[in-house]
Amino acid sequence: MKIVMRIRLADKEIDLLKQENIALSKGIIEPTEEVNALKKGEKRSAKDVTEKSPLVEPARVKLRVVDRELTPGEITKMADAYKRLHDDKDYAEREVAALKERINRLKIQTSPPVVKRRFALRSMQPTNLRKKTTHLAGEPEEDTEAESSRPKVRFEKRETKSTFTKRVFLELSKLRTNEIEKLCLEEGLAYTTIRGSATDLAERYVGVAFPRLRQTLVMEEEKEVGEDDDESVDIVGGEPSNRAEEVSDC
């Protein structure tokens, strides 16, 4: 059985080789015959001419040929389309240039006032210690809006430093969190809580303001005592002069 199968496979291979040989011989014989015919000057038949004619040119080349022969109407339409495209491009470029100019103008108009406002605020603000002492002494300030949120404690006569510190602490405790944080930032202190920060601020303010207020109070008392002494001297000195006048009249 194996031998029979091998024989059959060999026969099939032989048949395939024969068919390939026939095809190759046709592919070689036919071109050689045509070449010989051309050498002899024989004319080809109409069938050979149609079959062997060159391929049809592609559509793209045909379009090029058609474009070269445009009608006047088509040329006018193309010119109008090109003109519209050119106008649209010019319009877009002008819009971009106008927007750039507007942006630059806005930058010029907005940036300098901000800088001026910052410098104005810096120049208007007095020193921190000066503001605190003026509030504690009860002196009037020009900027009422900025000073409305700050504590105002009036110093009383014969008041100790501890009681004055306590009253300043109570006034600071009434402020809001953001106001306390702003005061801590101005004084260079770290914010902890409202009571803790109020204690630190009260100690800082009283430490600066109390000696000055005490000195002012002592000067006022000395001035009042001096005025009282002057009045007493005038009264005592006036009595002898009146008596002398009375004696002279007599």
C-alpha atoms as a PDB file:
ATOM      1  CA  MET A   1       0.000   0.000   0.000  1.00  0.00           C
ATOM      2  CA  LYS A   2       2.775   2.383   0.816  1.00  0.00           C
ATOM      3  CA  ILE A   3       4.428   1.685  -2.509  1.00  0.00           C
ATOM      4  CA  VAL A   4       1.188   2.385  -4.377  1.00  0.00           C
ATOM      5  CA  MET A   5       0.726   5.672  -2.563  1.00  0.00           C
ATOM      6  CA  ARG A   6       4.258   6.718  -3.371  1.00  0.00           C
ATOM      7  CA  ILE A   7       3.709   5.882  -7.037  1.00  0.00           C
ATOM      8  CA  ARG A   8       0.541   7.952  -7.171  1.00  0.00           C
ATOM      9  CA  LEU A   9       2.273  10.949  -5.550  1.00  0.00           C
ATOM     10  CA  ALA A  10       5.105  10.679  -8.034  1.00  0.00           C
ATOM     11  CA  ASP A  11       2.626  10.623 -10.926  1.00  0.00           C
ATOM     12  CA  LYS A  12       0.924  13.741  -9.629  1.00  0.00           C
ATOM     13  CA  GLU A  13       4.224  15.553  -9.327  1.00  0.00           C
ATOM     14  CA  ILE A  14       5.100  14.550 -12.877  1.00  0.00           C
ATOM     15  CA  ASP A  15       1.771  15.900 -14.178  1.00  0.00           C
ATOM     16  CA  LEU A  16       2.307  19.233 -12.376  1.00  0.00           C
ATOM     17  CA  LEU A  17       5.768  19.556 -13.825  1.00  0.00           C
ATOM     18  CA  LYS A  18       4.433  18.873 -17.312  1.00  0.00           C
ATOM     19  CA  GLN A  19       1.776  21.587 -16.950  1.00  0.00           C
ATOM     20  CA  GLU A  20       4.351  24.098 -15.721  1.00  0.00           C
ATOM     21  CA  ASN A  21       6.604  23.187 -18.616  1.00  0.00           C
ATOM     22  CA  ILE A  22       3.798  23.767 -21.111  1.00  0.00           C
ATOM     23  CA  ALA A  23       2.982  27.151 -19.571  1.00  0.00           C
ATOM     24  CA  LEU A  24       6.601  28.206 -19.621  1.00  0.00           C
ATOM     25  CA  SER A  25       7.033  27.088 -23.209  1.00  0.00           C
ATOM     26  CA  LYS A  26       3.989  29.144 -24.239  1.00  0.00           C
ATOM     27  CA  GLY A  27       5.342  32.172 -22.424  1.00  0.00           C
ATOM     28  CA  ILE A  28       8.633  31.822 -24.263  1.00  0.00           C
ATOM     29  CA  ILE A  29       7.401  30.709 -27.677  1.00  0.00           C
ATOM     30  CA  GLU A  30       4.745  33.392 -28.176  1.00  0.00           C
ATOM     31  CA  PRO A  31       7.060  36.376 -27.485  1.00  0.00           C
ATOM     32  CA  THR A  32       9.745  34.878 -29.741  1.00  0.00           C
ATOM     33  CA  GLU A  33       7.218  34.454 -32.529  1.00  0.00           C
ATOM     34  CA  GLU A  34       6.093  38.094 -32.165  1.00  0.00           C
ATOM     35  CA  VAL A  35       9.691  39.288 -32.220  1.00  0.00           C
ATOM     36  CA  ASN A  36      10.372  37.292 -35.356  1.00  0.00           C
ATOM     37  CA  ALA A  37       7.244  38.650 -36.978  1.00  0.00           C
ATOM     38  CA  LEU A  38       8.286  42.217 -36.188  1.00  0.00           C
ATOM     39  CA  LYS A  39      11.726  41.534 -37.605  1.00  0.00           C
ATOM     40  CA  LYS A  40      10.182  40.306 -40.841  1.00  0.00           C
ATOM     41  CA  GLY A  41       7.946  43.452 -41.002  1.00  0.00           C
ATOM     42  CA  GLU A  42       4.633  41.725 -40.683  1.00  0.00           C
ATOM     43  CA  LYS A  43       1.722  43.757 -39.321  1.00  0.00           C
ATOM     44  CA  ARG A  44      -0.012  42.762 -36.108  1.00  0.00           C
ATOM     45  CA  SER A  45      -3.657  41.855 -36.133  1.00  0.00           C
ATOM     46  CA  ALA A  46      -6.327  44.082 -34.621  1.00  0.00           C
ATOM     47  CA  LYS A  47      -6.766  41.624 -31.773  1.00  0.00           C
ATOM     48  CA  ASP A  48      -3.109  41.858 -30.806  1.00  0.00           C
ATOM     49  CA  VAL A  49      -3.195  45.630 -30.992  1.00  0.00           C
ATOM     50  CA  THR A  50      -6.191  45.973 -28.637  1.00  0.00           C
ATOM     51  CA  GLU A  51      -4.835  43.485 -26.176  1.00  0.00           C
ATOM     52  CA  LYS A  52      -1.302  44.860 -26.117  1.00  0.00           C
ATOM     53  CA  SER A  53      -2.242  48.567 -26.172  1.00  0.00           C
ATOM     54  CA  PRO A  54      -0.932  50.711 -23.248  1.00  0.00           C
ATOM     55  CA  LEU A  55      -2.988  51.240 -20.103  1.00  0.00           C
ATOM     56  CA  VAL A  56      -5.451  54.084 -19.764  1.00  0.00           C
ATOM     57  CA  GLU A  57      -3.948  57.167 -18.135  1.00  0.00           C
ATOM     58  CA  PRO A  58      -5.064  57.795 -14.552  1.00  0.00           C
ATOM     59  CA  ALA A  59      -7.865  60.158 -13.635  1.00  0.00           C
ATOM     60  CA  ARG A  60      -5.481  62.642 -12.015  1.00  0.00           C
ATOM     61  CA  VAL A  61      -3.734  63.296 -15.295  1.00  0.00           C
ATOM     62  CA  LYS A  62      -7.080  63.756 -16.983  1.00  0.00           C
ATOM     63  CA  LEU A  63      -8.010  66.359 -14.405  1.00  0.00           C
ATOM     64  CA  ARG A  64      -4.834  68.245 -15.126  1.00  0.00           C
ATOM     65  CA  VAL A  65      -5.661  68.306 -18.794  1.00  0.00           C
ATOM     66  CA  VAL A  66      -9.194  69.535 -18.016  1.00  0.00           C
ATOM     67  CA  ASP A  67      -7.883  72.264 -15.675  1.00  0.00           C
ATOM     68  CA  ARG A  68      -5.679  73.622 -18.399  1.00  0.00           C
ATOM     69  CA  GLU A  69      -8.718  74.288 -20.530  1.00  0.00           C
ATOM     70  CA  LEU A  70     -10.860  76.284 -18.081  1.00  0.00           C
ATOM     71  CA  THR A  71     -13.694  78.403 -19.323  1.00  0.00           C
ATOM     72  CA  PRO A  72     -13.841  82.168 -18.632  1.00  0.00           C
ATOM     73  CA  GLY A  73     -16.692  81.643 -16.171  1.00  0.00           C
ATOM     74  CA  GLU A  74     -14.700  79.125 -14.188  1.00  0.00           C
ATOM     75  CA  ILE A  75     -11.684  81.428 -14.184  1.00  0.00           C
ATOM     76  CA  THR A  76     -13.858  84.261 -12.833  1.00  0.00           C
ATOM     77  CA  LYS A  77     -15.221  82.040 -10.072  1.00  0.00           C
ATOM     78  CA  MET A  78     -11.729  80.954  -9.080  1.00  0.00           C
ATOM     79  CA  ALA A  79     -10.563  84.580  -8.979  1.00  0.00           C
ATOM     80  CA  ASP A  80     -13.498  85.552  -6.765  1.00  0.00           C
ATOM     81  CA  ALA A  81     -12.816  82.650  -4.406  1.00  0.00           C
ATOM     82  CA  TYR A  82      -9.143  83.589  -4.167  1.00  0.00           C
ATOM     83  CA  LYS A  83     -10.070  87.217  -3.505  1.00  0.00           C
ATOM     84  CA  ARG A  84     -12.482  86.219  -0.725  1.00  0.00           C
ATOM     85  CA  LEU A  85      -9.836  84.000   0.821  1.00  0.00           C
ATOM     86  CA  HIS A  86      -7.296  86.828   0.699  1.00  0.00           C
ATOM     87  CA  ASP A  87      -9.791  89.289   2.239  1.00  0.00           C
ATOM     88  CA  ASP A  88     -10.632  86.845   5.030  1.00  0.00           C
ATOM     89  CA  LYS A  89      -6.954  86.398   5.794  1.00  0.00           C
ATOM     90  CA  ASP A  90      -6.392  90.177   5.937  1.00  0.00           C
ATOM     91  CA  TYR A  91      -9.448  90.594   8.177  1.00  0.00           C
ATOM     92  CA  ALA A  92      -8.203  87.908  10.562  1.00  0.00           C
ATOM     93  CA  GLU A  93      -4.748  89.519  10.731  1.00  0.00           C
ATOM     94  CA  ARG A  94      -6.289  92.913  11.473  1.00  0.00           C
ATOM     95  CA  GLU A  95      -8.448  91.394  14.234  1.00  0.00           C
ATOM     96  CA  VAL A  96      -5.412  89.765  15.833  1.00  0.00           C
ATOM     97  CA  ALA A  97      -3.461  93.032  15.715  1.00  0.00           C
ATOM     98  CA  ALA A  98      -6.403  94.943  17.245  1.00  0.00           C
ATOM     99  CA  LEU A  99      -6.729  92.412  20.059  1.00  0.00           C
ATOM    100  CA  LYS A 100      -3.005  92.641  20.807  1.00  0.00           C
ATOM    101  CA  GLU A 101      -3.197  96.430  20.968  1.00  0.00           C
ATOM    102  CA  ARG A 102      -6.222  96.256  23.245  1.00  0.00           C
ATOM    103  CA  ILE A 103      -4.479  93.822  25.600  1.00  0.00           C
ATOM    104  CA  ASN A 104      -1.381  96.022  25.757  1.00  0.00           C
ATOM    105  CA  ARG A 105      -3.552  99.080  26.394  1.00  0.00           C
ATOM    106  CA  LEU A 106      -5.338  97.330  29.244  1.00  0.00           C
ATOM    107  CA  LYS A 107      -2.014  96.293  30.765  1.00  0.00           C
ATOM    108  CA  ILE A 108      -0.779  99.878  30.607  1.00  0.00           C
ATOM    109  CA  GLN A 109      -3.995 101.233  32.128  1.00  0.00           C
ATOM    110  CA  THR A 110      -4.307  98.715  34.964  1.00  0.00           C
ATOM    111  CA  SER A 111      -0.779  98.049  36.191  1.00  0.00           C
ATOM    112  CA  PRO A 112       0.441 101.558  37.243  1.00  0.00           C
ATOM    113  CA  PRO A 113      -2.588 102.419  39.467  1.00  0.00           C
ATOM    114  CA  VAL A 114      -2.011  99.240  41.468  1.00  0.00           C
ATOM    115  CA  VAL A 115       1.594 100.229  42.104  1.00  0.00           C
ATOM    116  CA  LYS A 116       0.585 103.788  42.987  1.00  0.00           C
ATOM    117  CA  ARG A 117      -2.101 102.530  45.347  1.00  0.00           C
ATOM    118  CA  ARG A 118       0.389 100.277  47.122  1.00  0.00           C
ATOM    119  CA  PHE A 119       2.889 103.099  47.567  1.00  0.00           C
ATOM    120  CA  ALA A 120       0.117 105.417  48.759  1.00  0.00           C
ATOM    121  CA  LEU A 121      -1.017 102.897  51.356  1.00  0.00           C
ATOM    122  CA  ARG A 122       2.538 102.420  52.555  1.00  0.00           C
ATOM    123  CA  SER A 123       3.107 106.164  52.847  1.00  0.00           C
ATOM    124  CA  MET A 124      -0.201 106.750  54.657  1.00  0.00           C
ATOM    125  CA  GLN A 125       0.378 104.077  57.273  1.00  0.00           C
ATOM    126  CA  PRO A 126       2.288 105.345  60.352  1.00  0.00           C
ATOM    127  CA  THR A 127       4.552 103.152  62.447  1.00  0.00           C
ATOM    128  CA  ASN A 128       2.912 100.348  64.398  1.00  0.00           C
ATOM    129  CA  LEU A 129       4.061 101.540  67.830  1.00  0.00           C
ATOM    130  CA  ARG A 130       2.916 105.064  67.115  1.00  0.00           C
ATOM    131  CA  LYS A 131      -0.555 103.864  66.176  1.00  0.00           C
ATOM    132  CA  LYS A 132      -0.864 101.702  69.263  1.00  0.00           C
ATOM    133  CA  THR A 133       0.239 104.474  71.613  1.00  0.00           C
ATOM    134  CA  THR A 134      -2.132 106.981  70.054  1.00  0.00           C
ATOM    135  CA  HIS A 135      -5.032 104.522  70.426  1.00  0.00           C
ATOM    136  CA  LEU A 136      -4.160 103.832  74.035  1.00  0.00           C
ATOM    137  CA  ALA A 137      -3.849 107.559  74.815  1.00  0.00           C
ATOM    138  CA  GLY A 138      -7.202 108.291  73.190  1.00  0.00           C
ATOM    139  CA  GLU A 139      -5.825 110.674  70.538  1.00  0.00           C
ATOM    140  CA  PRO A 140      -7.990 111.175  67.394  1.00  0.00           C
ATOM    141  CA  GLU A 141      -6.790 109.679  64.100  1.00  0.00           C
ATOM    142  CA  GLU A 142      -7.541 110.830  60.551  1.00  0.00           C
ATOM    143  CA  ASP A 143      -8.070 107.372  59.065  1.00  0.00           C
ATOM    144  CA  THR A 144     -11.226 106.333  60.940  1.00  0.00           C
ATOM    145  CA  GLU A 145     -12.043 103.386  58.693  1.00  0.00           C
ATOM    146  CA  ALA A 146      -8.705 101.676  59.306  1.00  0.00           C
ATOM    147  CA  GLU A 147      -8.858 102.402  63.042  1.00  0.00           C
ATOM    148  CA  SER A 148     -12.475 101.309  63.619  1.00  0.00           C
ATOM    149  CA  SER A 149     -11.435  97.697  64.260  1.00  0.00           C
ATOM    150  CA  ARG A 150      -8.661  98.513  66.734  1.00  0.00           C
ATOM    151  CA  PRO A 151      -9.198  98.699  70.518  1.00  0.00           C
ATOM    152  CA  LYS A 152      -9.409 102.137  72.080  1.00  0.00           C
ATOM    153  CA  VAL A 153      -8.529 102.195  75.789  1.00  0.00           C
ATOM    154  CA  ARG A 154      -8.297 105.471  77.682  1.00  0.00           C
ATOM    155  CA  PHE A 155      -5.679 105.682  80.394  1.00  0.00           C
ATOM    156  CA  GLU A 156      -7.057 106.568  83.805  1.00  0.00           C
ATOM    157  CA  LYS A 157      -5.283 108.402  86.579  1.00  0.00           C
ATOM    158  CA  ARG A 158      -3.710 106.398  89.362  1.00  0.00           C
ATOM    159  CA  GLU A 159      -3.998 103.201  87.322  1.00  0.00           C
ATOM    160  CA  THR A 160      -1.409 100.449  87.685  1.00  0.00           C
ATOM    161  CA  LYS A 161       0.249  98.656  84.816  1.00  0.00           C
ATOM    162  CA  SER A 162      -1.501  95.346  85.573  1.00  0.00           C
ATOM    163  CA  THR A 163      -5.001  96.834  85.531  1.00  0.00           C
ATOM    164  CA  PHE A 164      -4.238  98.757  82.358  1.00  0.00           C
ATOM    165  CA  THR A 165      -2.908  95.578  80.723  1.00  0.00           C
ATOM    166  CA  LYS A 166      -6.061  93.715  81.732  1.00  0.00           C
ATOM    167  CA  ARG A 167      -8.325  96.351  80.193  1.00  0.00           C
ATOM    168  CA  VAL A 168      -6.285  96.332  76.955  1.00  0.00           C
ATOM    169  CA  PHE A 169      -6.517  92.523  76.871  1.00  0.00           C
ATOM    170  CA  LEU A 170     -10.311  92.663  77.268  1.00  0.00           C
ATOM    171  CA  GLU A 171     -10.616  95.113  74.397  1.00  0.00           C
ATOM    172  CA  LEU A 172      -8.379  92.979  72.162  1.00  0.00           C
ATOM    173  CA  SER A 173     -10.385  89.846  73.002  1.00  0.00           C
ATOM    174  CA  LYS A 174     -13.461  91.455  71.436  1.00  0.00           C
ATOM    175  CA  LEU A 175     -11.823  91.573  67.990  1.00  0.00           C
ATOM    176  CA  ARG A 176     -12.361  88.957  65.301  1.00  0.00           C
ATOM    177  CA  THR A 177      -9.871  86.286  64.335  1.00  0.00           C
ATOM    178  CA  ASN A 178      -8.777  87.955  61.092  1.00  0.00           C
ATOM    179  CA  GLU A 179      -8.267  91.263  62.890  1.00  0.00           C
ATOM    180  CA  ILE A 180      -6.137  89.587  65.557  1.00  0.00           C
ATOM    181  CA  GLU A 181      -4.113  87.844  62.852  1.00  0.00           C
ATOM    182  CA  LYS A 182      -3.521  91.181  61.081  1.00  0.00           C
ATOM    183  CA  LEU A 183      -2.322  92.807  64.300  1.00  0.00           C
ATOM    184  CA  CYS A 184      -0.003  89.851  65.005  1.00  0.00           C
ATOM    185  CA  LEU A 185       1.397  90.122  61.487  1.00  0.00           C
ATOM    186  CA  GLU A 186       2.054  93.843  61.933  1.00  0.00           C
ATOM    187  CA  GLU A 187       3.817  93.273  65.261  1.00  0.00           C
ATOM    188  CA  GLY A 188       5.787  90.241  64.069  1.00  0.00           C
ATOM    189  CA  LEU A 189       4.063  87.832  66.473  1.00  0.00           C
ATOM    190  CA  ALA A 190       2.872  84.295  65.748  1.00  0.00           C
ATOM    191  CA  TYR A 191      -0.897  83.776  65.975  1.00  0.00           C
ATOM    192  CA  THR A 192      -1.941  80.996  68.363  1.00  0.00           C
ATOM    193  CA  THR A 193      -5.456  81.641  69.666  1.00  0.00           C
ATOM    194  CA  ILE A 194      -7.531  84.740  70.242  1.00  0.00           C
ATOM    195  CA  ARG A 195      -6.820  84.837  74.001  1.00  0.00           C
ATOM    196  CA  GLY A 196      -3.141  83.906  73.651  1.00  0.00           C
ATOM    197  CA  SER A 197      -2.507  86.388  70.866  1.00  0.00           C
ATOM    198  CA  ALA A 198      -4.515  89.068  72.717  1.00  0.00           C
ATOM    199  CA  THR A 199      -2.295  88.528  75.776  1.00  0.00           C
ATOM    200  CA  ASP A 200       0.886  88.893  73.706  1.00  0.00           C
ATOM    201  CA  LEU A 201      -0.412  92.003  71.944  1.00  0.00           C
ATOM    202  CA  ALA A 202      -1.569  93.591  75.207  1.00  0.00           C
ATOM    203  CA  GLU A 203       1.858  93.080  76.763  1.00  0.00           C
ATOM    204  CA  ARG A 204       3.532  94.521  73.663  1.00  0.00           C
ATOM    205  CA  TYR A 205       1.251  97.593  73.526  1.00  0.00           C
ATOM    206  CA  VAL A 206       1.305  98.322  77.257  1.00  0.00           C
ATOM    207  CA  GLY A 207       5.062  97.888  77.432  1.00  0.00           C
ATOM    208  CA  VAL A 208       5.445 100.700  74.918  1.00  0.00           C
ATOM    209  CA  ALA A 209       2.507 102.944  75.844  1.00  0.00           C
ATOM    210  CA  PHE A 210       2.372 102.766  79.661  1.00  0.00           C
ATOM    211  CA  PRO A 211       5.695 104.577  80.392  1.00  0.00           C
ATOM    212  CA  ARG A 212       4.813 107.326  77.951  1.00  0.00           C
ATOM    213  CA  LEU A 213       1.307 107.766  79.345  1.00  0.00           C
ATOM    214  CA  ARG A 214       2.669 107.758  82.882  1.00  0.00           C
ATOM    215  CA  GLN A 215       5.174 110.449  82.003  1.00  0.00           C
ATOM    216  CA  THR A 216       2.480 112.523  80.313  1.00  0.00           C
ATOM    217  CA  LEU A 217       0.280 112.220  83.395  1.00  0.00           C
ATOM    218  CA  VAL A 218       3.114 113.301  85.714  1.00  0.00           C
ATOM    219  CA  MET A 219       3.849 116.304  83.523  1.00  0.00           C
ATOM    220  CA  GLU A 220       0.189 117.329  83.558  1.00  0.00           C
ATOM    221  CA  GLU A 221       0.039 117.021  87.364  1.00  0.00           C
ATOM    222  CA  GLU A 222       3.192 119.111  87.749  1.00  0.00           C
ATOM    223  CA  LYS A 223       1.718 121.711  85.427  1.00  0.00           C
ATOM    224  CA  GLU A 224      -1.508 121.841  87.432  1.00  0.00           C
ATOM    225  CA  VAL A 225       0.460 122.176  90.689  1.00  0.00           C
ATOM    226  CA  GLY A 226       2.523 125.003  89.183  1.00  0.00           C
ATOM    227  CA  GLU A 227      -0.601 126.882  88.103  1.00  0.00           C
ATOM    228  CA  ASP A 228      -2.088 126.526  91.599  1.00  0.00           C
ATOM    229  CA  ASP A 229       1.123 127.934  93.134  1.00  0.00           C
ATOM    230  CA  ASP A 230       1.058 130.919  90.781  1.00  0.00           C
ATOM    231  CA  GLU A 231      -2.525 131.719  91.702  1.00  0.00           C
ATOM    232  CA  SER A 232      -1.732 131.541  95.437  1.00  0.00           C
ATOM    233  CA  VAL A 233       1.253 133.885  95.020  1.00  0.00           C
ATOM    234  CA  ASP A 234      -0.886 136.410  93.177  1.00  0.00           C
ATOM    235  CA  ILE A 235      -3.522 136.354  95.874  1.00  0.00           C
ATOM    236  CA  VAL A 236      -1.025 136.785  98.706  1.00  0.00           C
ATOM    237  CA  GLY A 237       0.900 139.456  96.836  1.00  0.00           C
ATOM    238  CA  GLY A 238      -2.258 141.400  96.112  1.00  0.00           C
ATOM    239  CA  GLU A 239      -3.234 141.988  99.731  1.00  0.00           C
ATOM    240  CA  PRO A 240      -0.331 144.332 100.714  1.00  0.00           C
ATOM    241  CA  SER A 241      -0.830 146.456  97.655  1.00  0.00           C
ATOM    242  CA  ASN A 242      -4.491 146.960  98.523  1.00  0.00           C
ATOM    243  CA  ARG A 243      -3.622 147.880 102.063  1.00  0.00           C
ATOM    244  CA  ALA A 244      -1.057 150.417 100.913  1.00  0.00           C
ATOM    245  CA  GLU A 245      -3.658 152.003  98.675  1.00  0.00           C
ATOM    246  CA  GLU A 246      -6.082 152.209 101.553  1.00  0.00           C
ATOM    247  CA  VAL A 247      -3.423 153.869 103.789  1.00  0.00           C
ATOM    248  CA  SER A 248      -2.491 156.343 101.107  1.00  0.00           C
ATOM    249  CA  ASP A 249      -6.171 157.229 100.664  1.00  0.00           C
ATOM    250  CA  CYS A 250      -6.457 157.882 104.327  1.00  0.00           C
END
